[in-house]
Amino acid sequence: MKKFHSINLKSQDSDVTTTTEIVKQNIYTPLLVVALIITSFLLGMFITKVQLQSDTKALAATAPTQNVAGAQAGAPAGIPPIVQVDNGHFPIKGTTGAKVQIVAFEDMRCPFCKQFFDNTESQLIKEYVDSGKATFAFRQYEFLGPASLVAGNAIECANDQNKFWEMHDYLYKNQPSETDTSMYTSDNLSQIAGTLGMDATQFKGCMDNKTDDKKMQDDIAAGQKAGVSGTPTFYINGKQLVGAQPLSAIETVVNQELSK
């Protein structure tokens, strides 16, 4: 007596499925599906590549050549252009006629300008300006909101009373955080002007009437024309140097100019 159930195989009867055929179907069907998926993926990549190559050729054929010609005619790559920037209307530090002119565009509320003032400016003045090798000029580039414009007007009004550098130094030494604008009001700055030896009433009238606002705006326009996009930005005999640079970085450019 048989102890297991057997499957009768009929080799000539197509309606009967053998165990061997079932195994083959179970193996080959998933493989065919995977093969179809891979083939579709590769075909898609090939079509995309052909389209990209076609688009690239079309862009190359229609791209304007004016910019390329302009780049070839301009200064060599990596060499910044020399920008003609004058000293502006504030009193300069140093001897007129010095070989190197340093012009700084700054915002009185700029924390990086304060960083330059605290860490570098005094050393630069001592080593190069006081020795007669360079001059140092300040120009306005107030762009950090309404409080910056108030601060800019304050140094203009101080300049009217021959106290520009005194107000300049005070505002940097006492600069609050960028989010704190409480100091920058006509009343507060007029009191500060009085402590610096100015006529506070005259100063407040200048502030309230924005007497020198055009001078500040002219400085800002000059900075934009020169290519200033942030502060501080320096021009050393027309060579642009951006950011609160350490003395060594400024010295490198100044010494290059002195060696000419």
C-alpha atoms as a PDB file:
ATOM      1  CA  MET A   1       0.000   0.000   0.000  1.00  0.00           C
ATOM      2  CA  LYS A   2       1.345   3.473  -0.975  1.00  0.00           C
ATOM      3  CA  LYS A   3       2.095   5.832   1.917  1.00  0.00           C
ATOM      4  CA  PHE A   4       2.190   9.029  -0.180  1.00  0.00           C
ATOM      5  CA  HIS A   5       0.055  10.721  -2.777  1.00  0.00           C
ATOM      6  CA  SER A   6       1.585  10.526  -6.203  1.00  0.00           C
ATOM      7  CA  ILE A   7       0.935  12.739  -9.251  1.00  0.00           C
ATOM      8  CA  ASN A   8       0.405  10.915 -12.465  1.00  0.00           C
ATOM      9  CA  LEU A   9       2.336  12.483 -15.367  1.00  0.00           C
ATOM     10  CA  LYS A  10       0.951  12.174 -18.883  1.00  0.00           C
ATOM     11  CA  SER A  11       3.590  13.298 -21.335  1.00  0.00           C
ATOM     12  CA  GLN A  12       1.226  13.479 -24.297  1.00  0.00           C
ATOM     13  CA  ASP A  13      -1.664  15.288 -22.561  1.00  0.00           C
ATOM     14  CA  SER A  14      -1.232  19.110 -22.681  1.00  0.00           C
ATOM     15  CA  ASP A  15      -3.935  19.694 -20.047  1.00  0.00           C
ATOM     16  CA  VAL A  16      -1.807  18.158 -17.312  1.00  0.00           C
ATOM     17  CA  THR A  17       0.758  20.325 -15.514  1.00  0.00           C
ATOM     18  CA  THR A  18       3.679  18.458 -14.105  1.00  0.00           C
ATOM     19  CA  THR A  19       5.573  19.404 -10.941  1.00  0.00           C
ATOM     20  CA  THR A  20       8.648  20.242 -13.066  1.00  0.00           C
ATOM     21  CA  GLU A  21       6.693  22.777 -15.107  1.00  0.00           C
ATOM     22  CA  ILE A  22       5.319  24.428 -11.969  1.00  0.00           C
ATOM     23  CA  VAL A  23       8.834  24.866 -10.568  1.00  0.00           C
ATOM     24  CA  LYS A  24      10.036  26.395 -13.840  1.00  0.00           C
ATOM     25  CA  GLN A  25       7.167  28.884 -13.864  1.00  0.00           C
ATOM     26  CA  ASN A  26       7.872  29.931 -10.264  1.00  0.00           C
ATOM     27  CA  ILE A  27      11.539  30.590 -11.096  1.00  0.00           C
ATOM     28  CA  TYR A  28      11.306  32.230 -14.502  1.00  0.00           C
ATOM     29  CA  THR A  29       8.359  34.561 -13.946  1.00  0.00           C
ATOM     30  CA  PRO A  30      10.061  36.815 -11.323  1.00  0.00           C
ATOM     31  CA  LEU A  31      13.264  36.815 -13.387  1.00  0.00           C
ATOM     32  CA  LEU A  32      11.386  38.012 -16.439  1.00  0.00           C
ATOM     33  CA  VAL A  33       9.738  40.786 -14.433  1.00  0.00           C
ATOM     34  CA  VAL A  34      13.123  41.961 -13.061  1.00  0.00           C
ATOM     35  CA  ALA A  35      14.646  41.815 -16.542  1.00  0.00           C
ATOM     36  CA  LEU A  36      11.823  43.942 -17.937  1.00  0.00           C
ATOM     37  CA  ILE A  37      12.233  46.518 -15.176  1.00  0.00           C
ATOM     38  CA  ILE A  38      16.011  46.812 -15.739  1.00  0.00           C
ATOM     39  CA  THR A  39      15.551  47.052 -19.505  1.00  0.00           C
ATOM     40  CA  SER A  40      12.956  49.831 -19.100  1.00  0.00           C
ATOM     41  CA  PHE A  41      15.248  51.751 -16.716  1.00  0.00           C
ATOM     42  CA  LEU A  42      18.250  51.552 -19.071  1.00  0.00           C
ATOM     43  CA  LEU A  43      16.109  52.570 -22.023  1.00  0.00           C
ATOM     44  CA  GLY A  44      14.816  55.575 -20.076  1.00  0.00           C
ATOM     45  CA  MET A  45      18.372  56.669 -19.185  1.00  0.00           C
ATOM     46  CA  PHE A  46      19.424  56.379 -22.828  1.00  0.00           C
ATOM     47  CA  ILE A  47      16.484  58.519 -24.009  1.00  0.00           C
ATOM     48  CA  THR A  48      17.185  61.165 -21.332  1.00  0.00           C
ATOM     49  CA  LYS A  49      20.864  61.334 -22.299  1.00  0.00           C
ATOM     50  CA  VAL A  50      19.975  61.818 -25.954  1.00  0.00           C
ATOM     51  CA  GLN A  51      17.552  64.621 -25.028  1.00  0.00           C
ATOM     52  CA  LEU A  52      20.149  66.379 -22.832  1.00  0.00           C
ATOM     53  CA  GLN A  53      22.779  66.226 -25.561  1.00  0.00           C
ATOM     54  CA  SER A  54      20.280  67.661 -28.009  1.00  0.00           C
ATOM     55  CA  ASP A  55      19.322  70.491 -25.625  1.00  0.00           C
ATOM     56  CA  THR A  56      22.985  71.313 -24.934  1.00  0.00           C
ATOM     57  CA  LYS A  57      23.742  71.598 -28.628  1.00  0.00           C
ATOM     58  CA  ALA A  58      20.731  73.846 -29.122  1.00  0.00           C
ATOM     59  CA  LEU A  59      21.806  76.156 -26.274  1.00  0.00           C
ATOM     60  CA  ALA A  60      25.347  76.342 -27.586  1.00  0.00           C
ATOM     61  CA  ALA A  61      24.057  77.284 -31.012  1.00  0.00           C
ATOM     62  CA  THR A  62      21.853  80.110 -29.699  1.00  0.00           C
ATOM     63  CA  ALA A  63      24.012  81.498 -26.802  1.00  0.00           C
ATOM     64  CA  PRO A  64      25.150  85.126 -27.244  1.00  0.00           C
ATOM     65  CA  THR A  65      28.879  85.695 -27.700  1.00  0.00           C
ATOM     66  CA  GLN A  66      28.991  89.266 -26.405  1.00  0.00           C
ATOM     67  CA  ASN A  67      30.001  88.324 -22.845  1.00  0.00           C
ATOM     68  CA  VAL A  68      32.819  86.083 -24.066  1.00  0.00           C
ATOM     69  CA  ALA A  69      34.241  88.850 -26.201  1.00  0.00           C
ATOM     70  CA  GLY A  70      33.950  91.280 -23.282  1.00  0.00           C
ATOM     71  CA  ALA A  71      35.830  88.941 -20.943  1.00  0.00           C
ATOM     72  CA  GLN A  72      38.640  88.578 -23.475  1.00  0.00           C
ATOM     73  CA  ALA A  73      38.919  92.319 -23.856  1.00  0.00           C
ATOM     74  CA  GLY A  74      38.917  93.006 -20.106  1.00  0.00           C
ATOM     75  CA  ALA A  75      41.494  92.484 -17.377  1.00  0.00           C
ATOM     76  CA  PRO A  76      43.081  89.019 -17.037  1.00  0.00           C
ATOM     77  CA  ALA A  77      41.148  86.596 -14.860  1.00  0.00           C
ATOM     78  CA  GLY A  78      42.025  86.813 -11.170  1.00  0.00           C
ATOM     79  CA  ILE A  79      43.341  90.399 -11.357  1.00  0.00           C
ATOM     80  CA  PRO A  80      40.824  92.860  -9.884  1.00  0.00           C
ATOM     81  CA  PRO A  81      40.382  96.137 -11.749  1.00  0.00           C
ATOM     82  CA  ILE A  82      41.740  99.391 -10.347  1.00  0.00           C
ATOM     83  CA  VAL A  83      38.860 101.619  -9.236  1.00  0.00           C
ATOM     84  CA  GLN A  84      39.244 105.364  -9.059  1.00  0.00           C
ATOM     85  CA  VAL A  85      37.871 106.385  -5.657  1.00  0.00           C
ATOM     86  CA  ASP A  86      38.467 109.812  -4.125  1.00  0.00           C
ATOM     87  CA  ASN A  87      38.829 110.562  -0.421  1.00  0.00           C
ATOM     88  CA  GLY A  88      35.359 112.059   0.018  1.00  0.00           C
ATOM     89  CA  HIS A  89      34.459 115.061   2.149  1.00  0.00           C
ATOM     90  CA  PHE A  90      35.500 113.999   5.655  1.00  0.00           C
ATOM     91  CA  PRO A  91      38.918 115.013   6.995  1.00  0.00           C
ATOM     92  CA  ILE A  92      41.550 112.405   6.146  1.00  0.00           C
ATOM     93  CA  LYS A  93      44.241 111.054   8.412  1.00  0.00           C
ATOM     94  CA  GLY A  94      47.794 111.381   7.181  1.00  0.00           C
ATOM     95  CA  THR A  95      49.865 113.650   4.980  1.00  0.00           C
ATOM     96  CA  THR A  96      48.424 114.777   1.668  1.00  0.00           C
ATOM     97  CA  GLY A  97      50.540 113.411  -1.150  1.00  0.00           C
ATOM     98  CA  ALA A  98      51.439 110.128   0.561  1.00  0.00           C
ATOM     99  CA  LYS A  99      52.204 107.322  -1.872  1.00  0.00           C
ATOM    100  CA  VAL A 100      49.294 105.133  -0.729  1.00  0.00           C
ATOM    101  CA  GLN A 101      45.689 106.224  -0.322  1.00  0.00           C
ATOM    102  CA  ILE A 102      43.392 103.973   1.734  1.00  0.00           C
ATOM    103  CA  VAL A 103      39.673 104.695   1.443  1.00  0.00           C
ATOM    104  CA  ALA A 104      37.272 102.789   3.700  1.00  0.00           C
ATOM    105  CA  PHE A 105      33.533 102.533   3.017  1.00  0.00           C
ATOM    106  CA  GLU A 106      31.782 101.696   6.288  1.00  0.00           C
ATOM    107  CA  ASP A 107      28.426 101.598   8.072  1.00  0.00           C
ATOM    108  CA  MET A 108      28.544 103.003  11.605  1.00  0.00           C
ATOM    109  CA  ARG A 109      26.333 100.141  12.833  1.00  0.00           C
ATOM    110  CA  CYS A 110      28.215  97.387  11.016  1.00  0.00           C
ATOM    111  CA  PRO A 111      29.689  94.889  13.530  1.00  0.00           C
ATOM    112  CA  PHE A 112      32.500  93.975  11.126  1.00  0.00           C
ATOM    113  CA  CYS A 113      33.406  97.658  10.791  1.00  0.00           C
ATOM    114  CA  LYS A 114      33.639  97.794  14.572  1.00  0.00           C
ATOM    115  CA  GLN A 115      35.819  94.688  14.469  1.00  0.00           C
ATOM    116  CA  PHE A 116      38.176  96.459  12.061  1.00  0.00           C
ATOM    117  CA  PHE A 117      38.112  99.574  14.250  1.00  0.00           C
ATOM    118  CA  ASP A 118      38.877  97.606  17.417  1.00  0.00           C
ATOM    119  CA  ASN A 119      41.536  95.240  16.055  1.00  0.00           C
ATOM    120  CA  THR A 120      43.231  96.833  13.063  1.00  0.00           C
ATOM    121  CA  GLU A 121      42.607 100.514  12.425  1.00  0.00           C
ATOM    122  CA  SER A 122      44.812 101.961  15.173  1.00  0.00           C
ATOM    123  CA  GLN A 123      47.744  99.709  14.180  1.00  0.00           C
ATOM    124  CA  LEU A 124      47.316 100.666  10.537  1.00  0.00           C
ATOM    125  CA  ILE A 125      47.285 104.362  11.413  1.00  0.00           C
ATOM    126  CA  LYS A 126      50.376 104.037  13.610  1.00  0.00           C
ATOM    127  CA  GLU A 127      52.502 102.034  11.175  1.00  0.00           C
ATOM    128  CA  TYR A 128      51.577 103.573   7.840  1.00  0.00           C
ATOM    129  CA  VAL A 129      49.650 106.821   8.298  1.00  0.00           C
ATOM    130  CA  ASP A 130      51.592 108.450  11.123  1.00  0.00           C
ATOM    131  CA  SER A 131      54.823 107.543   9.320  1.00  0.00           C
ATOM    132  CA  GLY A 132      53.724 109.409   6.204  1.00  0.00           C
ATOM    133  CA  LYS A 133      53.474 106.345   3.972  1.00  0.00           C
ATOM    134  CA  ALA A 134      49.694 106.373   3.555  1.00  0.00           C
ATOM    135  CA  THR A 135      46.541 108.354   4.104  1.00  0.00           C
ATOM    136  CA  PHE A 136      43.326 106.972   5.554  1.00  0.00           C
ATOM    137  CA  ALA A 137      39.912 108.273   4.525  1.00  0.00           C
ATOM    138  CA  PHE A 138      36.453 107.313   5.747  1.00  0.00           C
ATOM    139  CA  ARG A 139      33.410 107.292   3.489  1.00  0.00           C
ATOM    140  CA  GLN A 140      29.828 106.409   4.350  1.00  0.00           C
ATOM    141  CA  TYR A 141      28.008 103.308   3.186  1.00  0.00           C
ATOM    142  CA  GLU A 142      25.036 103.194   5.518  1.00  0.00           C
ATOM    143  CA  PHE A 143      22.800 100.294   4.476  1.00  0.00           C
ATOM    144  CA  LEU A 144      21.680  98.505   7.642  1.00  0.00           C
ATOM    145  CA  GLY A 145      18.307 100.182   7.937  1.00  0.00           C
ATOM    146  CA  PRO A 146      16.921 103.499   9.247  1.00  0.00           C
ATOM    147  CA  ALA A 147      19.109 103.512  12.383  1.00  0.00           C
ATOM    148  CA  SER A 148      22.215 103.426  10.194  1.00  0.00           C
ATOM    149  CA  LEU A 149      20.998 106.500   8.334  1.00  0.00           C
ATOM    150  CA  VAL A 150      20.512 108.270  11.673  1.00  0.00           C
ATOM    151  CA  ALA A 151      24.061 107.354  12.687  1.00  0.00           C
ATOM    152  CA  GLY A 152      25.298 108.541   9.309  1.00  0.00           C
ATOM    153  CA  ASN A 153      23.626 111.895   9.767  1.00  0.00           C
ATOM    154  CA  ALA A 154      25.169 112.129  13.229  1.00  0.00           C
ATOM    155  CA  ILE A 155      28.729 111.951  11.925  1.00  0.00           C
ATOM    156  CA  GLU A 156      27.814 114.448   9.202  1.00  0.00           C
ATOM    157  CA  CYS A 157      26.499 116.889  11.784  1.00  0.00           C
ATOM    158  CA  ALA A 158      29.570 116.297  13.940  1.00  0.00           C
ATOM    159  CA  ASN A 159      31.750 117.065  10.935  1.00  0.00           C
ATOM    160  CA  ASP A 160      29.983 120.430  10.611  1.00  0.00           C
ATOM    161  CA  GLN A 161      31.437 121.258  14.047  1.00  0.00           C
ATOM    162  CA  ASN A 162      34.883 119.808  13.232  1.00  0.00           C
ATOM    163  CA  LYS A 163      34.252 116.791  15.463  1.00  0.00           C
ATOM    164  CA  PHE A 164      33.955 114.051  12.870  1.00  0.00           C
ATOM    165  CA  TRP A 165      36.638 111.706  14.205  1.00  0.00           C
ATOM    166  CA  GLU A 166      35.452 112.207  17.794  1.00  0.00           C
ATOM    167  CA  MET A 167      31.904 111.106  16.893  1.00  0.00           C
ATOM    168  CA  HIS A 168      33.230 108.349  14.613  1.00  0.00           C
ATOM    169  CA  ASP A 169      35.326 106.859  17.406  1.00  0.00           C
ATOM    170  CA  TYR A 170      32.569 107.219  20.020  1.00  0.00           C
ATOM    171  CA  LEU A 171      29.973 105.421  17.892  1.00  0.00           C
ATOM    172  CA  TYR A 172      32.301 102.495  17.228  1.00  0.00           C
ATOM    173  CA  LYS A 173      33.535 102.203  20.797  1.00  0.00           C
ATOM    174  CA  ASN A 174      29.965 102.234  22.115  1.00  0.00           C
ATOM    175  CA  GLN A 175      28.270 100.343  19.297  1.00  0.00           C
ATOM    176  CA  PRO A 176      25.457  98.153  20.691  1.00  0.00           C
ATOM    177  CA  SER A 177      24.319  94.883  19.169  1.00  0.00           C
ATOM    178  CA  GLU A 178      22.874  95.158  15.687  1.00  0.00           C
ATOM    179  CA  THR A 179      19.358  94.534  17.011  1.00  0.00           C
ATOM    180  CA  ASP A 180      19.606  97.356  19.573  1.00  0.00           C
ATOM    181  CA  THR A 181      18.839 100.677  17.884  1.00  0.00           C
ATOM    182  CA  SER A 182      17.898 102.640  21.010  1.00  0.00           C
ATOM    183  CA  MET A 183      20.991 104.864  20.867  1.00  0.00           C
ATOM    184  CA  TYR A 184      20.245 106.122  17.379  1.00  0.00           C
ATOM    185  CA  THR A 185      17.787 108.946  18.032  1.00  0.00           C
ATOM    186  CA  SER A 186      18.210 112.678  17.578  1.00  0.00           C
ATOM    187  CA  ASP A 187      17.863 113.310  21.322  1.00  0.00           C
ATOM    188  CA  ASN A 188      20.373 110.656  22.404  1.00  0.00           C
ATOM    189  CA  LEU A 189      22.955 111.572  19.787  1.00  0.00           C
ATOM    190  CA  SER A 190      22.594 115.274  20.587  1.00  0.00           C
ATOM    191  CA  GLN A 191      23.390 114.546  24.235  1.00  0.00           C
ATOM    192  CA  ILE A 192      26.424 112.545  23.119  1.00  0.00           C
ATOM    193  CA  ALA A 193      27.489 115.445  20.883  1.00  0.00           C
ATOM    194  CA  GLY A 194      27.371 117.739  23.922  1.00  0.00           C
ATOM    195  CA  THR A 195      29.695 115.434  25.882  1.00  0.00           C
ATOM    196  CA  LEU A 196      32.134 115.532  22.953  1.00  0.00           C
ATOM    197  CA  GLY A 197      32.368 119.318  23.056  1.00  0.00           C
ATOM    198  CA  MET A 198      29.805 120.196  20.395  1.00  0.00           C
ATOM    199  CA  ASP A 199      26.929 122.639  20.530  1.00  0.00           C
ATOM    200  CA  ALA A 200      24.121 120.180  21.288  1.00  0.00           C
ATOM    201  CA  THR A 201      21.368 122.547  20.144  1.00  0.00           C
ATOM    202  CA  GLN A 202      23.039 123.162  16.792  1.00  0.00           C
ATOM    203  CA  PHE A 203      23.705 119.445  16.445  1.00  0.00           C
ATOM    204  CA  LYS A 204      20.068 118.532  17.136  1.00  0.00           C
ATOM    205  CA  GLY A 205      18.853 121.081  14.586  1.00  0.00           C
ATOM    206  CA  CYS A 206      21.168 119.528  12.019  1.00  0.00           C
ATOM    207  CA  MET A 207      19.880 116.055  12.857  1.00  0.00           C
ATOM    208  CA  ASP A 208      16.191 116.967  12.860  1.00  0.00           C
ATOM    209  CA  ASN A 209      16.445 118.857   9.568  1.00  0.00           C
ATOM    210  CA  LYS A 210      18.702 116.246   7.962  1.00  0.00           C
ATOM    211  CA  THR A 211      20.879 119.121   6.859  1.00  0.00           C
ATOM    212  CA  ASP A 212      23.670 116.943   5.522  1.00  0.00           C
ATOM    213  CA  ASP A 213      21.648 113.984   4.292  1.00  0.00           C
ATOM    214  CA  LYS A 214      22.680 114.621   0.672  1.00  0.00           C
ATOM    215  CA  LYS A 215      26.362 114.323   1.582  1.00  0.00           C
ATOM    216  CA  MET A 216      25.713 110.908   3.065  1.00  0.00           C
ATOM    217  CA  GLN A 217      23.667 109.826   0.058  1.00  0.00           C
ATOM    218  CA  ASP A 218      26.427 111.002  -2.291  1.00  0.00           C
ATOM    219  CA  ASP A 219      28.907 108.828  -0.413  1.00  0.00           C
ATOM    220  CA  ILE A 220      26.608 105.817  -0.681  1.00  0.00           C
ATOM    221  CA  ALA A 221      26.174 106.428  -4.412  1.00  0.00           C
ATOM    222  CA  ALA A 222      29.944 106.690  -4.852  1.00  0.00           C
ATOM    223  CA  GLY A 223      30.358 103.382  -3.037  1.00  0.00           C
ATOM    224  CA  GLN A 224      27.800 101.696  -5.272  1.00  0.00           C
ATOM    225  CA  LYS A 225      29.548 103.032  -8.364  1.00  0.00           C
ATOM    226  CA  ALA A 226      32.879 101.721  -7.086  1.00  0.00           C
ATOM    227  CA  GLY A 227      31.412  98.252  -6.550  1.00  0.00           C
ATOM    228  CA  VAL A 228      30.810  98.221  -2.799  1.00  0.00           C
ATOM    229  CA  SER A 229      28.333  95.516  -1.812  1.00  0.00           C
ATOM    230  CA  GLY A 230      29.037  95.234   1.919  1.00  0.00           C
ATOM    231  CA  THR A 231      31.050  96.787   4.700  1.00  0.00           C
ATOM    232  CA  PRO A 232      33.795  97.369   5.366  1.00  0.00           C
ATOM    233  CA  THR A 233      35.217  97.674   1.866  1.00  0.00           C
ATOM    234  CA  PHE A 234      38.649  99.213   1.333  1.00  0.00           C
ATOM    235  CA  TYR A 235      40.283 100.721  -1.730  1.00  0.00           C
ATOM    236  CA  ILE A 236      44.065 100.824  -1.506  1.00  0.00           C
ATOM    237  CA  ASN A 237      45.274 102.912  -4.423  1.00  0.00           C
ATOM    238  CA  GLY A 238      42.116 101.688  -6.110  1.00  0.00           C
ATOM    239  CA  LYS A 239      42.563  97.996  -5.296  1.00  0.00           C
ATOM    240  CA  GLN A 240      39.496  96.601  -3.565  1.00  0.00           C
ATOM    241  CA  LEU A 241      39.803  94.639  -0.336  1.00  0.00           C
ATOM    242  CA  VAL A 242      36.583  93.426   1.300  1.00  0.00           C
ATOM    243  CA  GLY A 243      35.846  92.570   4.920  1.00  0.00           C
ATOM    244  CA  ALA A 244      37.298  93.130   8.388  1.00  0.00           C
ATOM    245  CA  GLN A 245      40.775  92.207   7.230  1.00  0.00           C
ATOM    246  CA  PRO A 246      43.632  91.651   9.670  1.00  0.00           C
ATOM    247  CA  LEU A 247      46.520  94.090   9.518  1.00  0.00           C
ATOM    248  CA  SER A 248      48.679  91.533   7.664  1.00  0.00           C
ATOM    249  CA  ALA A 249      46.242  91.392   4.727  1.00  0.00           C
ATOM    250  CA  ILE A 250      46.138  95.178   4.392  1.00  0.00           C
ATOM    251  CA  GLU A 251      49.916  95.416   4.840  1.00  0.00           C
ATOM    252  CA  THR A 252      50.444  93.057   1.909  1.00  0.00           C
ATOM    253  CA  VAL A 253      48.612  95.370  -0.485  1.00  0.00           C
ATOM    254  CA  VAL A 254      50.050  98.567   1.022  1.00  0.00           C
ATOM    255  CA  ASN A 255      53.623  97.257   0.793  1.00  0.00           C
ATOM    256  CA  GLN A 256      53.060  96.208  -2.807  1.00  0.00           C
ATOM    257  CA  GLU A 257      52.018  99.775  -3.590  1.00  0.00           C
ATOM    258  CA  LEU A 258      54.937 101.262  -1.653  1.00  0.00           C
ATOM    259  CA  SER A 259      57.397  99.099  -3.600  1.00  0.00           C
ATOM    260  CA  LYS A 260      56.295 100.521  -6.951  1.00  0.00           C
END
